């Protein structure tokens, strides 16, 4: 009887360790079900499960060692130990995707990052910094100070979208670690309460702080060349040389040439992996097919009662959205200036004449359509065939 207790406990321990990561990693079927609360329960109670199964194994081990067939018993123990080690070190998100050992930034003159690379750019107190997407998609999050302000730069390659958050919870600075993903979106665990936070919207989806939300900080995704054109004094995050092989393996992602089923691109519109630009205005969400934006260069539209304009730079990488104070069409001139209401503006919406007020930027995101509609289930879709004239 004791030997069956040993074998069943060993099997139970291996199964528990597997399911402890199954629900929070991109395995077949794991991301299509609403399992985050179960995953959180298994994770937070993991030492209780481990103690129970280990105690049962020890109980059964006493009887097995008396049978004389000790090699089988020890083989099972070694096998189970190997499975546990592999799952917790090779399948654990924060072991698979490491944080930079040291953040290094260089100015435009010393920069070694290709100007064609996509970056997530932020500014604060006249300080501008650029974070190459190629690095962010491996790290998933980078904590840094910009102009004295603590910010957390995040990117989820499986959703193809970046967000910047203020790493504070209830007024206190917080540290986060990558814990896994839910519905194909990265999740971060805060150090203080162990709650799990979704990368795409900064909401705590399970744990003691469920329902709380991180404050988002404005950011722009564009090519490094365009960013430096707008912010020539910007600092640029450099490659962590110890992780160079990891970055090189992700180099095809930005241009949509990744072969992975999770990060590839659908070139046709409104497919799960099609690129869209997502905008939320007054709680109303709307998505714009990337192909339409490339074709039109400028999209004038209305979300609720507010008029907006989305412009794509000639590099086919850099985009930005503005609010249009009046129902007047935005256009782009031959020099890339934005024409609106008889005045010219640069790519950031700054008027070229001091007496004219600047345009207000609206936060916009590039994202896979499947991700955007998952986290914005009531989103509208822009129909280019019936666009505003």
Foldseek 3Di string as FASTA:
>chain_A
DLLVLQVVLLVQLLVLLCLLLQLFAPDVPNQVDPCVQVNLVSVVCVVVSVVVSVVSNVSSVVVVVVVVPVVVVVVSVVVSVVSNCCSCQVVWLCNQFDAFPDWDKDAPVPDDDDQQFKWKWDADPLAIETEGPLNQCRNQWYWDAHPNATKIWGAHLLWGKIFIFRQDDPRHHWDWGFGGHHSSFTWIATPPFRFIATGVFQARCDTPRHGDGTHTHFIFIFGNNVVCVVVVGYIYIDDRVVCVVVSVVCVCQLVQPDPDPSRHADPDPPDQRFKWKWFADPNAIAIEGLVLCVVPQKAWDDTDHWTKMKGDDPSSGGIWMFTQPDPWDWDADPVRWIDTPNFTAHRQQHTPDPVDDGTHTGGMIITGSNVVCVVVVNYHYDDSVPGDD
